[in-house]
Each structure stands twice: as structure tokens, then as C-alpha cells.
Amino acid sequence: MCVFAAFVFWGLLFFAPHQLSGCPLSCECFAVTSSVKCVSKSLLTVPKNIPGYARTLIFTGNHLNQIGPDSFTELKNVTNIILSNNRITELASHTFSGLTNLRFLDLSANQLALIHPEALSIPDSPLQELNLSRALHNFTALTDLTTALRWGGLWGLLRLDLSGNNLALLPPGMFSYVPSLQQLLLSNNSLLAVYSGTFSGMAHLELLDLTHNAFK
């Protein structure tokens, strides 16, 4: 019986969500997948005391409004963050600078109105995929994003999703700061035209999705 009890204990420890290792209240922590899941909990801020083993953070469906450098501290192992379906209106400079291994960032379905110039700046540019689908609230956010791409040093970015943002135009040279981009998704916008040189210098581009726009 003791052996069976021990087996059950270790099974619960590694294969079920738990509150061990300082798992934040209202979250589920999975040691076996190195992930922390806080979904649809009406959170107003990013929880503290996230376990150091965490590689994937899922905060979708909450009420997060603004995030900054203090939102993600002591999380150097994190490679994936999903912040979709929140109410984020502002990205402060250096919000993700402490996440030196971040590869995937999902900010889709937010209400970004202000993106500071160094909001996407991360040392040594580890980011490979950025999802901003249905995330830009207005044209100011688009021009802010152009500046953030310029200052972010995102030389290794491979995939950028800007679909569903009601974009009517693309600022000249917007994508010249992400030269390694392989996939660019611009579907479900309101683009009337794409000007000459918009995609110049993108030698690695393999997929360009411009479907469901307003081209004449």
C-alpha cells in the first residue's frame, strides 16, 4: 500500500496542476510541461511568485490593462507568453527586456493604443514570433509599432501576425527592421493599396497573406 500511495503522490505531483513551488493563487502550475496557466480569472495584473521552472505563461481572457518591466521579473527561463484576449492598452518600454529567452509572444485581441519605442526591446533579440492580430486600437498604435520594431532589434523575428487590425495603409519602411521575417500575415484588414518598396529588403519572406482586404 505504501508503494501504491507513493506512486499516486508522484503522479499527482508531476501530471496535475498544483500549488507547490509557489504557484500563484487563481493559477494552475504544471511542472511536467513547465507551464503556468491563469485563464479567465479576471486578473488585473500579472501574478507574482511565478515558479522559476516556468517556460510557458498563459494569461488569456483576463482584465490586464497595462504591462511594464515590473510585470515579468526573475523569469529568465520563459520562452512563450500568451496574453491574448485581455484589455491591454499600453506597452511600456522594456516590458519584456528581462525575458532573455522569449521566443513567442501573443498579444492578440487586445486594445493597444500606446506602444512605447522600446516596448519590444530584448537583449540579443531572441523573439521569433509576434502575434498582434486584432490588437491595434488605432492608427497611432500602428505608427508606434513601426517605431518599436525599429528600436526593438528584432533581427531574428520570423513570423509577424497583423491580421484583423482594420489597417488602411502600411507606413513606408515598416518591415525593414525585421529582415529575417519569413511569414507576414496582413489578412482581414482594410488595405486599399500596397506601395512600391513596402516589402523591399525582405529576402527571407516565404508567406505573405493579404487576403480579405479592400484592394480595388
Foldseek 3Di string as FASTA:
>chain_A
DVVVVVVVVVCCVAPFFDCPQNQFPQWTAHLNVLEIERAQPQDQAQDPSHHQSHAEYEYANHAHAEAACVRDPNNQNHAYYAHAHYAHAEQDACRPQSNQNHAYYHHEHYAHPYYALRSQAYPPQNYAEYEHANPYNDVNSLVSLLSNLQNRQNQRHAEYAHAHPQDQAHPAPSCVSHQNYAEYHHAHHAHQDYDPRRCPNNPNHNYYHHYHYNYD
